[in-house]
Amino acid sequence: MDQNTIDEGKTMGIIAYIFGLGTLIAWFMNKDKNNAFAAYHIRQGVKLFILTFVIYIVVNILIRTTHIWSLSYLQYIPLIFIVLGVMNANNGKTEPLPVIGTIGDK
C-alpha cells in the first residue's frame, strides 16, 4: 500500500472506529473511492461493533446470574480497542486489533 493511499484513507479509517454511525459514514465515504487502507479499518470497525454487542449481552447475563457487579468493568474492553484502532489508523498502520482483528480474514 503506497503512502498516498494511506494519507487519503486516514480520516475514513479514524471515523470507522466511532460506533455504528461512524462505521456507516466511513463506509459510504469509501464506497466510491475504494481506498484499501480505509476499507481495512472499516472492516476492523465492524468487528469491534459486533464485539461490543456480544460483550454487553454476555456481561449483563453474568451480572444478573452471579450478582458480581464488578464484572461491569469488562464493558470497557471495546473502548481500549477503539483507542488502539484509532492509533493504528492515525499512524498509517494496518495492524489487526488484538483477539478479534483476524476473525473473518482470508
N, C-alpha and C. Protein backbone atom coordinates (compact mmCIF):
# COMPACT_ATOMS: atom_id res chain seq x y z
N MET A 1 0.86 -1.17 0.00
CA MET A 1 0.00 0.00 0.00
C MET A 1 0.91 1.24 0.00
N ASP A 2 0.68 2.15 -0.93
CA ASP A 2 1.54 3.33 -1.02
C ASP A 2 1.10 4.43 -0.04
N GLN A 3 1.97 5.37 0.20
CA GLN A 3 1.74 6.43 1.18
C GLN A 3 0.56 7.31 0.79
N ASN A 4 0.32 7.52 -0.49
CA ASN A 4 -0.79 8.34 -0.95
C ASN A 4 -2.13 7.70 -0.56
N THR A 5 -2.24 6.39 -0.72
CA THR A 5 -3.46 5.67 -0.33
C THR A 5 -3.69 5.78 1.16
N ILE A 6 -2.63 5.65 1.93
CA ILE A 6 -2.74 5.76 3.39
C ILE A 6 -3.17 7.16 3.80
N ASP A 7 -2.56 8.18 3.22
CA ASP A 7 -2.91 9.56 3.57
C ASP A 7 -4.35 9.88 3.22
N GLU A 8 -4.83 9.38 2.08
CA GLU A 8 -6.22 9.64 1.68
C GLU A 8 -7.21 8.90 2.57
N GLY A 9 -6.83 7.76 3.11
CA GLY A 9 -7.75 6.95 3.89
C GLY A 9 -7.69 7.14 5.39
N LYS A 10 -6.77 7.97 5.88
CA LYS A 10 -6.62 8.15 7.33
C LYS A 10 -7.89 8.64 8.00
N THR A 11 -8.51 9.66 7.46
CA THR A 11 -9.71 10.22 8.07
C THR A 11 -10.83 9.19 8.11
N MET A 12 -11.04 8.50 7.01
CA MET A 12 -12.08 7.47 6.98
C MET A 12 -11.74 6.33 7.94
N GLY A 13 -10.46 6.00 8.06
CA GLY A 13 -10.04 4.95 8.97
C GLY A 13 -10.30 5.31 10.42
N ILE A 14 -10.07 6.56 10.78
CA ILE A 14 -10.32 7.01 12.15
C ILE A 14 -11.82 7.04 12.43
N ILE A 15 -12.60 7.56 11.48
CA ILE A 15 -14.05 7.64 11.64
C ILE A 15 -14.67 6.26 11.79
N ALA A 16 -14.07 5.25 11.17
CA ALA A 16 -14.61 3.89 11.18
C ALA A 16 -14.70 3.31 12.59
N TYR A 17 -13.93 3.81 13.52
CA TYR A 17 -13.93 3.26 14.87
C TYR A 17 -14.97 3.92 15.79
N ILE A 18 -15.68 4.91 15.29
CA ILE A 18 -16.76 5.51 16.08
C ILE A 18 -17.98 4.62 15.88
N PHE A 19 -18.49 4.09 16.96
CA PHE A 19 -19.51 3.03 16.92
C PHE A 19 -20.64 3.27 15.95
N GLY A 20 -20.94 2.27 15.19
CA GLY A 20 -22.10 2.20 14.33
C GLY A 20 -22.19 3.30 13.30
N LEU A 21 -22.57 4.46 13.74
CA LEU A 21 -22.77 5.57 12.83
C LEU A 21 -21.47 5.96 12.13
N GLY A 22 -20.39 6.00 12.85
CA GLY A 22 -19.10 6.34 12.25
C GLY A 22 -18.65 5.30 11.23
N THR A 23 -18.92 4.04 11.54
CA THR A 23 -18.57 2.97 10.61
C THR A 23 -19.37 3.09 9.32
N LEU A 24 -20.66 3.39 9.46
CA LEU A 24 -21.51 3.58 8.28
C LEU A 24 -21.06 4.80 7.46
N ILE A 25 -20.75 5.88 8.15
CA ILE A 25 -20.29 7.09 7.45
C ILE A 25 -19.01 6.80 6.68
N ALA A 26 -18.06 6.12 7.33
CA ALA A 26 -16.79 5.79 6.66
C ALA A 26 -17.04 4.86 5.47
N TRP A 27 -17.97 3.92 5.63
CA TRP A 27 -18.27 3.01 4.52
C TRP A 27 -18.82 3.77 3.32
N PHE A 28 -19.78 4.69 3.58
CA PHE A 28 -20.35 5.47 2.48
C PHE A 28 -19.32 6.42 1.86
N MET A 29 -18.43 6.97 2.67
CA MET A 29 -17.38 7.83 2.14
C MET A 29 -16.41 7.04 1.25
N ASN A 30 -16.16 5.80 1.61
CA ASN A 30 -15.19 4.98 0.89
C ASN A 30 -15.83 4.20 -0.26
N LYS A 31 -17.13 4.22 -0.36
CA LYS A 31 -17.84 3.43 -1.35
C LYS A 31 -17.38 3.73 -2.78
N ASP A 32 -17.23 5.00 -3.11
CA ASP A 32 -16.81 5.38 -4.46
C ASP A 32 -15.29 5.42 -4.61
N LYS A 33 -14.58 5.71 -3.54
CA LYS A 33 -13.12 5.86 -3.62
C LYS A 33 -12.39 4.52 -3.62
N ASN A 34 -12.96 3.51 -2.98
CA ASN A 34 -12.34 2.18 -2.88
C ASN A 34 -10.92 2.24 -2.35
N ASN A 35 -10.71 3.00 -1.28
CA ASN A 35 -9.41 3.12 -0.65
C ASN A 35 -9.15 1.87 0.19
N ALA A 36 -8.08 1.15 -0.09
CA ALA A 36 -7.77 -0.11 0.60
C ALA A 36 -7.48 0.11 2.08
N PHE A 37 -6.79 1.20 2.41
CA PHE A 37 -6.47 1.49 3.81
C PHE A 37 -7.74 1.75 4.61
N ALA A 38 -8.64 2.55 4.08
CA ALA A 38 -9.90 2.85 4.77
C ALA A 38 -10.76 1.59 4.87
N ALA A 39 -10.78 0.78 3.81
CA ALA A 39 -11.58 -0.45 3.82
C ALA A 39 -11.10 -1.40 4.91
N TYR A 40 -9.80 -1.48 5.11
CA TYR A 40 -9.25 -2.33 6.16
C TYR A 40 -9.77 -1.89 7.53
N HIS A 41 -9.70 -0.59 7.80
CA HIS A 41 -10.13 -0.09 9.11
C HIS A 41 -11.64 -0.12 9.26
N ILE A 42 -12.38 -0.03 8.18
CA ILE A 42 -13.83 -0.18 8.25
C ILE A 42 -14.18 -1.61 8.65
N ARG A 43 -13.48 -2.59 8.08
CA ARG A 43 -13.71 -3.99 8.48
C ARG A 43 -13.37 -4.20 9.96
N GLN A 44 -12.29 -3.59 10.43
CA GLN A 44 -11.94 -3.69 11.84
C GLN A 44 -13.01 -3.04 12.72
N GLY A 45 -13.56 -1.91 12.26
CA GLY A 45 -14.60 -1.21 12.99
C GLY A 45 -15.88 -2.03 13.10
N VAL A 46 -16.23 -2.76 12.03
CA VAL A 46 -17.41 -3.62 12.07
C VAL A 46 -17.21 -4.75 13.07
N LYS A 47 -16.03 -5.35 13.07
CA LYS A 47 -15.73 -6.41 14.04
C LYS A 47 -15.83 -5.89 15.47
N LEU A 48 -15.34 -4.68 15.68
CA LEU A 48 -15.39 -4.07 17.00
C LEU A 48 -16.82 -3.77 17.42
N PHE A 49 -17.63 -3.33 16.48
CA PHE A 49 -19.04 -3.05 16.74
C PHE A 49 -19.77 -4.33 17.17
N ILE A 50 -19.50 -5.44 16.50
CA ILE A 50 -20.11 -6.72 16.86
C ILE A 50 -19.61 -7.18 18.23
N LEU A 51 -18.30 -7.03 18.48
CA LEU A 51 -17.74 -7.41 19.77
C LEU A 51 -18.40 -6.64 20.92
N THR A 52 -18.68 -5.37 20.69
CA THR A 52 -19.30 -4.56 21.73
C THR A 52 -20.65 -5.12 22.14
N PHE A 53 -21.47 -5.49 21.16
CA PHE A 53 -22.77 -6.07 21.48
C PHE A 53 -22.64 -7.41 22.18
N VAL A 54 -21.70 -8.25 21.75
CA VAL A 54 -21.51 -9.55 22.38
C VAL A 54 -21.08 -9.37 23.84
N ILE A 55 -20.12 -8.50 24.07
CA ILE A 55 -19.66 -8.26 25.44
C ILE A 55 -20.79 -7.71 26.30
N TYR A 56 -21.55 -6.78 25.76
CA TYR A 56 -22.67 -6.19 26.51
C TYR A 56 -23.67 -7.27 26.93
N ILE A 57 -24.03 -8.14 26.02
CA ILE A 57 -25.01 -9.19 26.33
C ILE A 57 -24.44 -10.18 27.34
N VAL A 58 -23.22 -10.65 27.10
CA VAL A 58 -22.61 -11.65 28.00
C VAL A 58 -22.42 -11.07 29.40
N VAL A 59 -21.92 -9.86 29.50
CA VAL A 59 -21.68 -9.26 30.81
C VAL A 59 -23.00 -9.05 31.55
N ASN A 60 -24.03 -8.61 30.87
CA ASN A 60 -25.32 -8.43 31.54
C ASN A 60 -25.90 -9.75 32.02
N ILE A 61 -25.75 -10.80 31.25
CA ILE A 61 -26.23 -12.12 31.70
C ILE A 61 -25.43 -12.57 32.91
N LEU A 62 -24.10 -12.41 32.87
CA LEU A 62 -23.27 -12.80 34.01
C LEU A 62 -23.61 -12.01 35.27
N ILE A 63 -23.83 -10.73 35.12
CA ILE A 63 -24.15 -9.90 36.29
C ILE A 63 -25.49 -10.32 36.88
N ARG A 64 -26.47 -10.56 36.03
CA ARG A 64 -27.80 -10.94 36.53
C ARG A 64 -27.80 -12.32 37.18
N THR A 65 -26.95 -13.23 36.73
CA THR A 65 -26.94 -14.57 37.31
C THR A 65 -26.02 -14.68 38.51
N THR A 66 -24.89 -13.98 38.50
CA THR A 66 -23.93 -14.13 39.61
C THR A 66 -24.00 -12.99 40.62
N HIS A 67 -24.60 -11.88 40.25
CA HIS A 67 -24.68 -10.68 41.10
C HIS A 67 -23.30 -10.12 41.47
N ILE A 68 -22.33 -10.35 40.61
CA ILE A 68 -21.00 -9.78 40.80
C ILE A 68 -20.93 -8.52 39.94
N TRP A 69 -21.19 -7.39 40.55
CA TRP A 69 -21.33 -6.13 39.82
C TRP A 69 -20.00 -5.62 39.26
N SER A 70 -18.90 -6.10 39.79
CA SER A 70 -17.61 -5.64 39.27
C SER A 70 -17.33 -6.17 37.86
N LEU A 71 -18.11 -7.14 37.40
CA LEU A 71 -17.97 -7.62 36.02
C LEU A 71 -18.34 -6.55 35.00
N SER A 72 -19.03 -5.53 35.45
CA SER A 72 -19.43 -4.46 34.52
C SER A 72 -18.22 -3.73 33.94
N TYR A 73 -17.07 -3.84 34.60
CA TYR A 73 -15.87 -3.21 34.07
C TYR A 73 -15.39 -3.86 32.77
N LEU A 74 -15.84 -5.06 32.49
CA LEU A 74 -15.48 -5.73 31.23
C LEU A 74 -16.05 -4.99 30.03
N GLN A 75 -17.06 -4.16 30.25
CA GLN A 75 -17.66 -3.42 29.16
C GLN A 75 -16.75 -2.31 28.64
N TYR A 76 -15.63 -2.07 29.31
CA TYR A 76 -14.67 -1.06 28.84
C TYR A 76 -13.66 -1.64 27.86
N ILE A 77 -13.68 -2.93 27.64
CA ILE A 77 -12.75 -3.56 26.70
C ILE A 77 -12.86 -2.96 25.29
N PRO A 78 -14.08 -2.77 24.75
CA PRO A 78 -14.16 -2.15 23.42
C PRO A 78 -13.56 -0.75 23.36
N LEU A 79 -13.62 -0.01 24.44
CA LEU A 79 -13.02 1.32 24.47
C LEU A 79 -11.51 1.24 24.27
N ILE A 80 -10.89 0.24 24.86
CA ILE A 80 -9.45 0.04 24.68
C ILE A 80 -9.14 -0.29 23.22
N PHE A 81 -9.99 -1.14 22.61
CA PHE A 81 -9.80 -1.48 21.19
C PHE A 81 -10.03 -0.28 20.29
N ILE A 82 -10.96 0.60 20.66
CA ILE A 82 -11.19 1.81 19.87
C ILE A 82 -9.93 2.67 19.86
N VAL A 83 -9.33 2.85 21.02
CA VAL A 83 -8.11 3.65 21.12
C VAL A 83 -7.00 3.03 20.28
N LEU A 84 -6.84 1.71 20.37
CA LEU A 84 -5.80 1.04 19.57
C LEU A 84 -6.06 1.19 18.08
N GLY A 85 -7.32 1.04 17.67
CA GLY A 85 -7.66 1.17 16.26
C GLY A 85 -7.44 2.57 15.72
N VAL A 86 -7.83 3.57 16.50
CA VAL A 86 -7.63 4.96 16.08
C VAL A 86 -6.14 5.28 15.99
N MET A 87 -5.37 4.78 16.95
CA MET A 87 -3.92 5.00 16.90
C MET A 87 -3.30 4.35 15.67
N ASN A 88 -3.73 3.12 15.34
CA ASN A 88 -3.21 2.45 14.14
C ASN A 88 -3.59 3.21 12.89
N ALA A 89 -4.84 3.66 12.80
CA ALA A 89 -5.28 4.40 11.61
C ALA A 89 -4.53 5.72 11.49
N ASN A 90 -4.35 6.40 12.59
CA ASN A 90 -3.66 7.70 12.57
C ASN A 90 -2.19 7.55 12.21
N ASN A 91 -1.58 6.45 12.62
CA ASN A 91 -0.17 6.22 12.33
C ASN A 91 0.06 5.55 10.98
N GLY A 92 -1.01 5.27 10.25
CA GLY A 92 -0.89 4.67 8.92
C GLY A 92 -0.56 3.18 8.94
N LYS A 93 -0.92 2.50 10.01
CA LYS A 93 -0.63 1.07 10.14
C LYS A 93 -1.88 0.24 9.83
N THR A 94 -1.67 -0.96 9.31
CA THR A 94 -2.76 -1.89 9.09
C THR A 94 -2.55 -3.13 9.96
N GLU A 95 -2.42 -2.89 11.26
CA GLU A 95 -2.25 -3.99 12.21
C GLU A 95 -3.63 -4.39 12.73
N PRO A 96 -3.90 -5.70 12.81
CA PRO A 96 -5.20 -6.13 13.31
C PRO A 96 -5.35 -5.86 14.80
N LEU A 97 -6.59 -5.65 15.22
CA LEU A 97 -6.87 -5.47 16.64
C LEU A 97 -6.60 -6.78 17.37
N PRO A 98 -6.21 -6.72 18.65
CA PRO A 98 -5.96 -7.96 19.39
C PRO A 98 -7.22 -8.82 19.46
N VAL A 99 -7.08 -10.10 19.41
CA VAL A 99 -8.11 -11.11 19.55
C VAL A 99 -9.10 -11.14 18.39
N ILE A 100 -9.71 -10.03 18.04
CA ILE A 100 -10.77 -10.02 17.02
C ILE A 100 -10.29 -9.60 15.64
N GLY A 101 -9.10 -9.06 15.54
CA GLY A 101 -8.63 -8.48 14.30
C GLY A 101 -8.50 -9.41 13.12
N THR A 102 -8.24 -10.69 13.38
CA THR A 102 -8.05 -11.63 12.27
C THR A 102 -9.27 -12.50 12.03
N ILE A 103 -10.32 -12.33 12.79
CA ILE A 103 -11.54 -13.12 12.60
C ILE A 103 -12.17 -12.74 11.26
N GLY A 104 -12.45 -13.72 10.45
CA GLY A 104 -13.10 -13.49 9.17
C GLY A 104 -12.19 -13.10 8.04
N ASP A 105 -10.89 -12.96 8.29
CA ASP A 105 -9.95 -12.64 7.22
C ASP A 105 -9.59 -13.91 6.47
N LYS A 106 -9.24 -13.72 5.22
CA LYS A 106 -8.90 -14.88 4.40
C LYS A 106 -7.47 -15.27 4.59
